[in-house]
Amino acid sequence: MPIATASIASTASALLTPPAPSAPLARTVLGSGPGLVLAHGAGGGTAANYGPLLEGLAARHTVVGVDWPGSGGSPRATGPLDADELADQLVAAADAAGLERFALAGFSLGGPVAVRAAARHPERVGALVLTATFAHRDARLDLAARLWGELYASGAHDLLAEHLTLAAFGPDVLQALDPAALRGAIAAVAATVPPGTPEQVDLVRRIDVRADLARVQAPTLVITTTADPLVSPSLQRELADRIPGARTAQLPTGHLPFAERPEQWRTLITDFLAEHTATTA
């Protein structure tokens, strides 16, 4: 009987004990002022997706970037990525930087993760900026992400780079590149594909935050990339339409505003956040 009692007590204790927190992901912290947490896209990273903006953002904000598993300094995941876990990693990074309340900026896959974080932690997120993003994948994005993952797994990274170049750059940008410049762009993409790509593009195909959109309480700006071959503008507009009171803006770029119009992108972000500084400080 004492053994059985001890076993029951041990089981009850295990059920009541919260799981140990996951190891923190790699973080970039710079600047000072109201908090701004950055969530990057699949196959990218804080530096890769926000690099041209970081100095300008940090001039007004304490900027905290989180690298998904397998990007930047974060180790690759041993299993599928979980949207709730990534959302909580954003909040944990803000905690570590001493940010009680903060703005969230999500690019591409970082968008639905940021939406999930804003829905799970409404008391912490004072503003939300979503760019080139989606609440769920459509047929175009699903096909592109599947090919993305399969080409990476095959080891054909040069072919993957060609696929990503075609899928991500706006048609006007591609048309303007001479053959040498196009080869250079493809080579640059091939050299920066992170090892966490398979898990990240798998999450692109699985994540669905449509049920979270109505729960977003923070003032929100949705920036639509109007020449985006990867995440269709209609998919981006659908997300904006379902967030209460969301404001919209347009960037005439493909999927990579940091490569095509970084200053215009940064200005849209900082101007919107300037209106909500009091709520994010």
C-alpha atoms as a PDB file:
ATOM      1  CA  MET A   1       0.000   0.000   0.000  1.00  0.00           C
ATOM      2  CA  PRO A   2       2.706   2.589   0.813  1.00  0.00           C
ATOM      3  CA  ILE A   3       4.333   1.820  -2.557  1.00  0.00           C
ATOM      4  CA  ALA A   4       1.049   2.352  -4.397  1.00  0.00           C
ATOM      5  CA  THR A   5       0.416   5.583  -2.528  1.00  0.00           C
ATOM      6  CA  ALA A   6       3.885   6.861  -3.354  1.00  0.00           C
ATOM      7  CA  SER A   7       3.403   5.951  -7.005  1.00  0.00           C
ATOM      8  CA  ILE A   8       0.095   7.850  -7.165  1.00  0.00           C
ATOM      9  CA  ALA A   9       1.667  10.869  -5.479  1.00  0.00           C
ATOM     10  CA  SER A  10       4.603  10.792  -7.867  1.00  0.00           C
ATOM     11  CA  THR A  11       2.279  10.606 -10.880  1.00  0.00           C
ATOM     12  CA  ALA A  12       0.163  13.494  -9.598  1.00  0.00           C
ATOM     13  CA  SER A  13       3.278  15.589  -9.008  1.00  0.00           C
ATOM     14  CA  ALA A  14       4.489  14.920 -12.547  1.00  0.00           C
ATOM     15  CA  LEU A  15       1.128  15.982 -13.969  1.00  0.00           C
ATOM     16  CA  LEU A  16       1.136  19.219 -11.997  1.00  0.00           C
ATOM     17  CA  THR A  17       4.742  20.136 -12.788  1.00  0.00           C
ATOM     18  CA  PRO A  18       4.989  22.314 -15.919  1.00  0.00           C
ATOM     19  CA  PRO A  19       7.373  21.074 -18.599  1.00  0.00           C
ATOM     20  CA  ALA A  20      10.874  22.458 -18.528  1.00  0.00           C
ATOM     21  CA  PRO A  21      11.234  25.426 -20.856  1.00  0.00           C
ATOM     22  CA  SER A  22      12.940  24.777 -24.167  1.00  0.00           C
ATOM     23  CA  ALA A  23      16.462  26.041 -24.627  1.00  0.00           C
ATOM     24  CA  PRO A  24      16.412  29.632 -25.869  1.00  0.00           C
ATOM     25  CA  LEU A  25      17.028  30.201 -29.543  1.00  0.00           C
ATOM     26  CA  ALA A  26      19.820  32.460 -30.797  1.00  0.00           C
ATOM     27  CA  ARG A  27      19.023  36.135 -30.402  1.00  0.00           C
ATOM     28  CA  THR A  28      20.229  39.436 -31.792  1.00  0.00           C
ATOM     29  CA  VAL A  29      19.792  42.426 -29.467  1.00  0.00           C
ATOM     30  CA  LEU A  30      20.755  45.990 -30.367  1.00  0.00           C
ATOM     31  CA  GLY A  31      19.648  49.589 -29.968  1.00  0.00           C
ATOM     32  CA  SER A  32      17.613  51.225 -27.225  1.00  0.00           C
ATOM     33  CA  GLY A  33      14.106  52.524 -26.744  1.00  0.00           C
ATOM     34  CA  PRO A  34      10.710  50.816 -27.035  1.00  0.00           C
ATOM     35  CA  GLY A  35      10.938  47.107 -27.721  1.00  0.00           C
ATOM     36  CA  LEU A  36      10.646  45.617 -31.196  1.00  0.00           C
ATOM     37  CA  VAL A  37      10.861  41.832 -31.604  1.00  0.00           C
ATOM     38  CA  LEU A  38      11.555  40.449 -35.095  1.00  0.00           C
ATOM     39  CA  ALA A  39      10.305  37.135 -36.494  1.00  0.00           C
ATOM     40  CA  HIS A  40      11.943  36.043 -39.757  1.00  0.00           C
ATOM     41  CA  GLY A  41      10.825  33.956 -42.702  1.00  0.00           C
ATOM     42  CA  ALA A  42      11.435  30.332 -43.668  1.00  0.00           C
ATOM     43  CA  GLY A  43      14.916  29.696 -44.988  1.00  0.00           C
ATOM     44  CA  GLY A  44      16.068  33.057 -43.637  1.00  0.00           C
ATOM     45  CA  GLY A  45      17.256  34.537 -40.366  1.00  0.00           C
ATOM     46  CA  THR A  46      17.329  37.811 -38.490  1.00  0.00           C
ATOM     47  CA  ALA A  47      20.388  39.029 -40.391  1.00  0.00           C
ATOM     48  CA  ALA A  48      19.263  37.615 -43.729  1.00  0.00           C
ATOM     49  CA  ASN A  49      15.729  39.050 -43.641  1.00  0.00           C
ATOM     50  CA  TYR A  50      16.184  42.240 -41.619  1.00  0.00           C
ATOM     51  CA  GLY A  51      19.884  43.034 -42.091  1.00  0.00           C
ATOM     52  CA  PRO A  52      19.495  46.188 -44.219  1.00  0.00           C
ATOM     53  CA  LEU A  53      16.924  47.535 -41.736  1.00  0.00           C
ATOM     54  CA  LEU A  54      18.593  46.727 -38.425  1.00  0.00           C
ATOM     55  CA  GLU A  55      20.625  49.899 -38.013  1.00  0.00           C
ATOM     56  CA  GLY A  56      17.649  52.117 -38.809  1.00  0.00           C
ATOM     57  CA  LEU A  57      15.294  50.141 -36.557  1.00  0.00           C
ATOM     58  CA  ALA A  58      17.781  50.150 -33.691  1.00  0.00           C
ATOM     59  CA  ALA A  59      18.087  53.939 -33.881  1.00  0.00           C
ATOM     60  CA  ARG A  60      14.606  54.146 -32.323  1.00  0.00           C
ATOM     61  CA  HIS A  61      14.028  50.775 -30.684  1.00  0.00           C
ATOM     62  CA  THR A  62      15.508  48.005 -28.616  1.00  0.00           C
ATOM     63  CA  VAL A  63      15.518  45.422 -31.385  1.00  0.00           C
ATOM     64  CA  VAL A  64      15.405  41.722 -30.516  1.00  0.00           C
ATOM     65  CA  GLY A  65      15.659  39.194 -33.330  1.00  0.00           C
ATOM     66  CA  VAL A  66      15.078  35.472 -32.817  1.00  0.00           C
ATOM     67  CA  ASP A  67      16.532  32.881 -35.208  1.00  0.00           C
ATOM     68  CA  TRP A  68      14.353  29.821 -35.799  1.00  0.00           C
ATOM     69  CA  PRO A  69      15.971  26.402 -35.298  1.00  0.00           C
ATOM     70  CA  GLY A  70      18.576  25.793 -37.941  1.00  0.00           C
ATOM     71  CA  SER A  71      19.033  29.501 -38.761  1.00  0.00           C
ATOM     72  CA  GLY A  72      21.674  31.895 -37.476  1.00  0.00           C
ATOM     73  CA  GLY A  73      23.169  30.534 -34.276  1.00  0.00           C
ATOM     74  CA  SER A  74      20.193  28.336 -33.380  1.00  0.00           C
ATOM     75  CA  PRO A  75      20.746  24.554 -33.545  1.00  0.00           C
ATOM     76  CA  ARG A  76      18.645  22.604 -35.999  1.00  0.00           C
ATOM     77  CA  ALA A  77      15.483  21.016 -34.595  1.00  0.00           C
ATOM     78  CA  THR A  78      15.308  17.239 -34.153  1.00  0.00           C
ATOM     79  CA  GLY A  79      11.622  17.135 -35.082  1.00  0.00           C
ATOM     80  CA  PRO A  80       8.832  19.239 -36.559  1.00  0.00           C
ATOM     81  CA  LEU A  81       8.614  22.865 -35.461  1.00  0.00           C
ATOM     82  CA  ASP A  82       5.717  23.916 -33.243  1.00  0.00           C
ATOM     83  CA  ALA A  83       4.085  27.305 -33.822  1.00  0.00           C
ATOM     84  CA  ASP A  84       3.192  27.785 -30.156  1.00  0.00           C
ATOM     85  CA  GLU A  85       6.770  27.068 -29.133  1.00  0.00           C
ATOM     86  CA  LEU A  86       8.172  29.573 -31.619  1.00  0.00           C
ATOM     87  CA  ALA A  87       5.623  32.184 -30.510  1.00  0.00           C
ATOM     88  CA  ASP A  88       6.632  31.681 -26.877  1.00  0.00           C
ATOM     89  CA  GLN A  89      10.309  31.930 -27.876  1.00  0.00           C
ATOM     90  CA  LEU A  90       9.597  35.461 -29.127  1.00  0.00           C
ATOM     91  CA  VAL A  91       8.126  36.415 -25.758  1.00  0.00           C
ATOM     92  CA  ALA A  92      10.977  34.719 -23.880  1.00  0.00           C
ATOM     93  CA  ALA A  93      13.476  36.747 -25.919  1.00  0.00           C
ATOM     94  CA  ALA A  94      11.628  39.937 -24.969  1.00  0.00           C
ATOM     95  CA  ASP A  95      11.729  38.861 -21.322  1.00  0.00           C
ATOM     96  CA  ALA A  96      15.478  38.284 -21.512  1.00  0.00           C
ATOM     97  CA  ALA A  97      15.932  41.788 -22.941  1.00  0.00           C
ATOM     98  CA  GLY A  98      13.868  43.301 -20.125  1.00  0.00           C
ATOM     99  CA  LEU A  99      10.942  44.276 -22.355  1.00  0.00           C
ATOM    100  CA  GLU A 100       7.633  44.282 -20.493  1.00  0.00           C
ATOM    101  CA  ARG A 101       5.637  45.343 -23.544  1.00  0.00           C
ATOM    102  CA  PHE A 102       6.864  45.376 -27.123  1.00  0.00           C
ATOM    103  CA  ALA A 103       5.975  45.543 -30.796  1.00  0.00           C
ATOM    104  CA  LEU A 104       6.227  42.468 -33.003  1.00  0.00           C
ATOM    105  CA  ALA A 105       7.274  42.452 -36.659  1.00  0.00           C
ATOM    106  CA  GLY A 106       6.754  39.274 -38.654  1.00  0.00           C
ATOM    107  CA  PHE A 107       8.004  38.627 -42.182  1.00  0.00           C
ATOM    108  CA  SER A 108       6.664  35.707 -44.273  1.00  0.00           C
ATOM    109  CA  LEU A 109       6.561  32.641 -41.940  1.00  0.00           C
ATOM    110  CA  GLY A 110       7.355  35.040 -39.097  1.00  0.00           C
ATOM    111  CA  GLY A 111       3.947  36.627 -39.700  1.00  0.00           C
ATOM    112  CA  PRO A 112       1.712  33.758 -38.564  1.00  0.00           C
ATOM    113  CA  VAL A 113       4.107  33.043 -35.700  1.00  0.00           C
ATOM    114  CA  ALA A 114       3.809  36.690 -34.624  1.00  0.00           C
ATOM    115  CA  VAL A 115       0.014  36.477 -34.914  1.00  0.00           C
ATOM    116  CA  ARG A 116       0.061  33.410 -32.657  1.00  0.00           C
ATOM    117  CA  ALA A 117       2.239  35.259 -30.142  1.00  0.00           C
ATOM    118  CA  ALA A 118      -0.077  38.289 -30.161  1.00  0.00           C
ATOM    119  CA  ALA A 119      -3.112  36.046 -29.626  1.00  0.00           C
ATOM    120  CA  ARG A 120      -1.444  34.045 -26.839  1.00  0.00           C
ATOM    121  CA  HIS A 121       0.062  37.063 -25.064  1.00  0.00           C
ATOM    122  CA  PRO A 122      -2.184  40.083 -25.762  1.00  0.00           C
ATOM    123  CA  GLU A 123      -1.024  41.828 -22.602  1.00  0.00           C
ATOM    124  CA  ARG A 124       2.556  41.874 -23.895  1.00  0.00           C
ATOM    125  CA  VAL A 125       2.209  42.869 -27.567  1.00  0.00           C
ATOM    126  CA  GLY A 126       1.575  46.575 -28.066  1.00  0.00           C
ATOM    127  CA  ALA A 127       1.729  46.677 -31.864  1.00  0.00           C
ATOM    128  CA  LEU A 128       2.005  44.241 -34.751  1.00  0.00           C
ATOM    129  CA  VAL A 129       3.557  44.677 -38.218  1.00  0.00           C
ATOM    130  CA  LEU A 130       3.121  41.859 -40.729  1.00  0.00           C
ATOM    131  CA  THR A 131       4.859  41.838 -44.120  1.00  0.00           C
ATOM    132  CA  ALA A 132       4.588  39.472 -47.126  1.00  0.00           C
ATOM    133  CA  THR A 133       2.741  37.019 -44.954  1.00  0.00           C
ATOM    134  CA  PHE A 134      -0.227  34.686 -44.616  1.00  0.00           C
ATOM    135  CA  ALA A 135      -2.557  33.063 -42.100  1.00  0.00           C
ATOM    136  CA  HIS A 136      -2.533  29.719 -43.938  1.00  0.00           C
ATOM    137  CA  ARG A 137      -1.003  28.369 -47.099  1.00  0.00           C
ATOM    138  CA  ASP A 138      -2.858  28.297 -50.407  1.00  0.00           C
ATOM    139  CA  ALA A 139      -2.149  25.962 -53.337  1.00  0.00           C
ATOM    140  CA  ARG A 140       0.593  28.193 -54.789  1.00  0.00           C
ATOM    141  CA  LEU A 141       2.467  28.539 -51.496  1.00  0.00           C
ATOM    142  CA  ASP A 142       2.024  24.853 -50.661  1.00  0.00           C
ATOM    143  CA  LEU A 143       3.499  23.769 -53.995  1.00  0.00           C
ATOM    144  CA  ALA A 144       6.412  26.202 -53.737  1.00  0.00           C
ATOM    145  CA  ALA A 145       7.185  25.112 -50.159  1.00  0.00           C
ATOM    146  CA  ARG A 146       6.997  21.423 -51.067  1.00  0.00           C
ATOM    147  CA  LEU A 147       9.459  21.882 -53.933  1.00  0.00           C
ATOM    148  CA  TRP A 148      11.630  24.007 -51.638  1.00  0.00           C
ATOM    149  CA  GLY A 149      11.881  21.210 -49.086  1.00  0.00           C
ATOM    150  CA  GLU A 150      12.352  18.431 -51.625  1.00  0.00           C
ATOM    151  CA  LEU A 151      15.108  20.270 -53.502  1.00  0.00           C
ATOM    152  CA  TYR A 152      16.937  20.916 -50.241  1.00  0.00           C
ATOM    153  CA  ALA A 153      16.652  17.261 -49.235  1.00  0.00           C
ATOM    154  CA  SER A 154      17.964  16.158 -52.649  1.00  0.00           C
ATOM    155  CA  GLY A 155      21.145  18.174 -52.150  1.00  0.00           C
ATOM    156  CA  ALA A 156      20.517  20.128 -55.353  1.00  0.00           C
ATOM    157  CA  HIS A 157      21.105  23.459 -53.670  1.00  0.00           C
ATOM    158  CA  ASP A 158      22.020  25.262 -56.886  1.00  0.00           C
ATOM    159  CA  LEU A 159      18.705  24.178 -58.398  1.00  0.00           C
ATOM    160  CA  LEU A 160      16.975  25.180 -55.161  1.00  0.00           C
ATOM    161  CA  ALA A 161      18.565  28.628 -55.434  1.00  0.00           C
ATOM    162  CA  GLU A 162      17.163  28.978 -58.965  1.00  0.00           C
ATOM    163  CA  HIS A 163      13.706  27.962 -57.705  1.00  0.00           C
ATOM    164  CA  LEU A 164      13.871  30.478 -54.854  1.00  0.00           C
ATOM    165  CA  THR A 165      15.099  33.251 -57.126  1.00  0.00           C
ATOM    166  CA  LEU A 166      12.179  32.661 -59.481  1.00  0.00           C
ATOM    167  CA  ALA A 167       9.695  32.333 -56.602  1.00  0.00           C
ATOM    168  CA  ALA A 168      10.833  35.284 -54.505  1.00  0.00           C
ATOM    169  CA  PHE A 169      11.983  38.182 -56.680  1.00  0.00           C
ATOM    170  CA  GLY A 170       9.488  40.468 -58.356  1.00  0.00           C
ATOM    171  CA  PRO A 171       9.292  40.121 -62.149  1.00  0.00           C
ATOM    172  CA  ASP A 172      10.570  43.658 -62.772  1.00  0.00           C
ATOM    173  CA  VAL A 173      13.676  42.978 -60.684  1.00  0.00           C
ATOM    174  CA  LEU A 174      14.442  39.750 -62.527  1.00  0.00           C
ATOM    175  CA  GLN A 175      13.854  41.411 -65.881  1.00  0.00           C
ATOM    176  CA  ALA A 176      16.342  44.160 -65.004  1.00  0.00           C
ATOM    177  CA  LEU A 177      19.195  41.757 -64.164  1.00  0.00           C
ATOM    178  CA  ASP A 178      21.720  41.011 -66.862  1.00  0.00           C
ATOM    179  CA  PRO A 179      22.905  37.361 -67.090  1.00  0.00           C
ATOM    180  CA  ALA A 180      25.973  37.931 -64.903  1.00  0.00           C
ATOM    181  CA  ALA A 181      23.987  39.706 -62.213  1.00  0.00           C
ATOM    182  CA  LEU A 182      21.349  36.964 -62.282  1.00  0.00           C
ATOM    183  CA  ARG A 183      24.011  34.283 -61.833  1.00  0.00           C
ATOM    184  CA  GLY A 184      25.434  36.279 -58.928  1.00  0.00           C
ATOM    185  CA  ALA A 185      22.026  36.552 -57.289  1.00  0.00           C
ATOM    186  CA  ILE A 186      21.438  32.811 -57.631  1.00  0.00           C
ATOM    187  CA  ALA A 187      24.867  32.040 -56.186  1.00  0.00           C
ATOM    188  CA  ALA A 188      24.206  34.356 -53.242  1.00  0.00           C
ATOM    189  CA  VAL A 189      20.927  32.571 -52.503  1.00  0.00           C
ATOM    190  CA  ALA A 190      22.616  29.144 -52.705  1.00  0.00           C
ATOM    191  CA  ALA A 191      25.285  30.239 -50.226  1.00  0.00           C
ATOM    192  CA  THR A 192      22.808  31.371 -47.584  1.00  0.00           C
ATOM    193  CA  VAL A 193      20.277  28.509 -47.408  1.00  0.00           C
ATOM    194  CA  PRO A 194      20.271  27.517 -43.710  1.00  0.00           C
ATOM    195  CA  PRO A 195      20.309  23.901 -42.472  1.00  0.00           C
ATOM    196  CA  GLY A 196      16.942  24.366 -40.765  1.00  0.00           C
ATOM    197  CA  THR A 197      15.227  24.880 -44.130  1.00  0.00           C
ATOM    198  CA  PRO A 198      13.354  21.519 -44.206  1.00  0.00           C
ATOM    199  CA  GLU A 199      11.677  22.053 -40.839  1.00  0.00           C
ATOM    200  CA  GLN A 200      10.894  25.687 -41.555  1.00  0.00           C
ATOM    201  CA  VAL A 201       9.245  25.077 -44.925  1.00  0.00           C
ATOM    202  CA  ASP A 202       7.370  22.143 -43.418  1.00  0.00           C
ATOM    203  CA  LEU A 203       5.863  24.599 -40.922  1.00  0.00           C
ATOM    204  CA  VAL A 204       4.886  26.895 -43.802  1.00  0.00           C
ATOM    205  CA  ARG A 205       2.765  24.023 -45.126  1.00  0.00           C
ATOM    206  CA  ARG A 206       1.188  23.218 -41.732  1.00  0.00           C
ATOM    207  CA  ILE A 207       0.692  26.502 -39.895  1.00  0.00           C
ATOM    208  CA  ASP A 208      -2.828  27.925 -39.785  1.00  0.00           C
ATOM    209  CA  VAL A 209      -3.634  30.927 -37.581  1.00  0.00           C
ATOM    210  CA  ARG A 210      -6.999  31.882 -39.064  1.00  0.00           C
ATOM    211  CA  ALA A 211      -8.661  31.203 -35.716  1.00  0.00           C
ATOM    212  CA  ASP A 212      -6.196  33.580 -34.014  1.00  0.00           C
ATOM    213  CA  LEU A 213      -6.810  36.607 -36.232  1.00  0.00           C
ATOM    214  CA  ALA A 214      -9.959  37.823 -34.503  1.00  0.00           C
ATOM    215  CA  ARG A 215      -8.153  37.560 -31.148  1.00  0.00           C
ATOM    216  CA  VAL A 216      -5.435  40.043 -32.078  1.00  0.00           C
ATOM    217  CA  GLN A 217      -5.891  43.132 -29.908  1.00  0.00           C
ATOM    218  CA  ALA A 218      -2.757  45.083 -30.843  1.00  0.00           C
ATOM    219  CA  PRO A 219      -2.854  47.849 -33.467  1.00  0.00           C
ATOM    220  CA  THR A 220      -1.775  46.091 -36.648  1.00  0.00           C
ATOM    221  CA  LEU A 221      -0.194  47.102 -39.939  1.00  0.00           C
ATOM    222  CA  VAL A 222      -0.256  44.589 -42.788  1.00  0.00           C
ATOM    223  CA  ILE A 223       2.263  45.427 -45.522  1.00  0.00           C
ATOM    224  CA  THR A 224       1.365  43.718 -48.802  1.00  0.00           C
ATOM    225  CA  THR A 225       4.127  42.937 -51.292  1.00  0.00           C
ATOM    226  CA  THR A 226       2.125  43.573 -54.442  1.00  0.00           C
ATOM    227  CA  ALA A 227       4.387  41.778 -56.972  1.00  0.00           C
ATOM    228  CA  ASP A 228       4.944  38.716 -54.773  1.00  0.00           C
ATOM    229  CA  PRO A 229       5.164  35.436 -56.747  1.00  0.00           C
ATOM    230  CA  LEU A 230       5.416  33.314 -53.561  1.00  0.00           C
ATOM    231  CA  VAL A 231       2.783  34.616 -51.137  1.00  0.00           C
ATOM    232  CA  SER A 232       0.014  35.945 -53.336  1.00  0.00           C
ATOM    233  CA  PRO A 233      -1.267  39.455 -52.530  1.00  0.00           C
ATOM    234  CA  SER A 234      -4.796  38.029 -52.221  1.00  0.00           C
ATOM    235  CA  LEU A 235      -3.609  35.727 -49.439  1.00  0.00           C
ATOM    236  CA  GLN A 236      -1.985  38.693 -47.718  1.00  0.00           C
ATOM    237  CA  ARG A 237      -5.168  40.765 -48.033  1.00  0.00           C
ATOM    238  CA  GLU A 238      -7.240  37.920 -46.619  1.00  0.00           C
ATOM    239  CA  LEU A 239      -5.149  38.018 -43.452  1.00  0.00           C
ATOM    240  CA  ALA A 240      -5.519  41.798 -43.157  1.00  0.00           C
ATOM    241  CA  ASP A 241      -9.286  41.628 -43.619  1.00  0.00           C
ATOM    242  CA  ARG A 242      -9.668  39.269 -40.660  1.00  0.00           C
ATOM    243  CA  ILE A 243      -7.648  41.234 -38.079  1.00  0.00           C
ATOM    244  CA  PRO A 244      -9.885  43.748 -36.297  1.00  0.00           C
ATOM    245  CA  GLY A 245      -9.004  47.313 -37.287  1.00  0.00           C
ATOM    246  CA  ALA A 246      -5.886  46.341 -39.220  1.00  0.00           C
ATOM    247  CA  ARG A 247      -4.311  49.051 -41.333  1.00  0.00           C
ATOM    248  CA  THR A 248      -2.789  48.147 -44.697  1.00  0.00           C
ATOM    249  CA  ALA A 249       0.064  49.466 -46.817  1.00  0.00           C
ATOM    250  CA  GLN A 250       1.542  48.342 -50.108  1.00  0.00           C
ATOM    251  CA  LEU A 251       5.099  47.757 -51.255  1.00  0.00           C
ATOM    252  CA  PRO A 252       5.661  47.291 -55.006  1.00  0.00           C
ATOM    253  CA  THR A 253       8.087  44.409 -54.530  1.00  0.00           C
ATOM    254  CA  GLY A 254       8.327  40.665 -54.842  1.00  0.00           C
ATOM    255  CA  HIS A 255       8.682  38.553 -51.708  1.00  0.00           C
ATOM    256  CA  LEU A 256      11.946  40.176 -50.606  1.00  0.00           C
ATOM    257  CA  PRO A 257      11.376  43.815 -49.606  1.00  0.00           C
ATOM    258  CA  PHE A 258      14.721  43.836 -47.763  1.00  0.00           C
ATOM    259  CA  ALA A 259      16.430  43.219 -51.106  1.00  0.00           C
ATOM    260  CA  GLU A 260      14.214  45.343 -53.348  1.00  0.00           C
ATOM    261  CA  ARG A 261      13.061  48.338 -51.257  1.00  0.00           C
ATOM    262  CA  PRO A 262      14.626  48.157 -47.784  1.00  0.00           C
ATOM    263  CA  GLU A 263      14.374  51.855 -46.956  1.00  0.00           C
ATOM    264  CA  GLN A 264      10.739  52.083 -47.959  1.00  0.00           C
ATOM    265  CA  TRP A 265       9.999  48.975 -45.895  1.00  0.00           C
ATOM    266  CA  ARG A 266      11.807  50.356 -42.853  1.00  0.00           C
ATOM    267  CA  THR A 267       9.975  53.666 -43.124  1.00  0.00           C
ATOM    268  CA  LEU A 268       6.590  51.950 -43.192  1.00  0.00           C
ATOM    269  CA  ILE A 269       7.502  50.007 -40.048  1.00  0.00           C
ATOM    270  CA  THR A 270       8.986  52.890 -38.063  1.00  0.00           C
ATOM    271  CA  ASP A 271       6.294  55.393 -39.002  1.00  0.00           C
ATOM    272  CA  PHE A 272       3.571  53.013 -37.847  1.00  0.00           C
ATOM    273  CA  LEU A 273       5.379  52.179 -34.622  1.00  0.00           C
ATOM    274  CA  ALA A 274       5.985  55.842 -33.879  1.00  0.00           C
ATOM    275  CA  GLU A 275       2.213  56.200 -33.465  1.00  0.00           C
ATOM    276  CA  HIS A 276       2.201  53.441 -30.839  1.00  0.00           C
ATOM    277  CA  THR A 277       5.393  54.153 -28.901  1.00  0.00           C
ATOM    278  CA  ALA A 278       3.508  54.767 -25.682  1.00  0.00           C
ATOM    279  CA  THR A 279       1.842  51.374 -25.852  1.00  0.00           C
ATOM    280  CA  THR A 280       5.011  49.435 -26.673  1.00  0.00           C
ATOM    281  CA  ALA A 281       7.358  51.076 -24.160  1.00  0.00           C
END
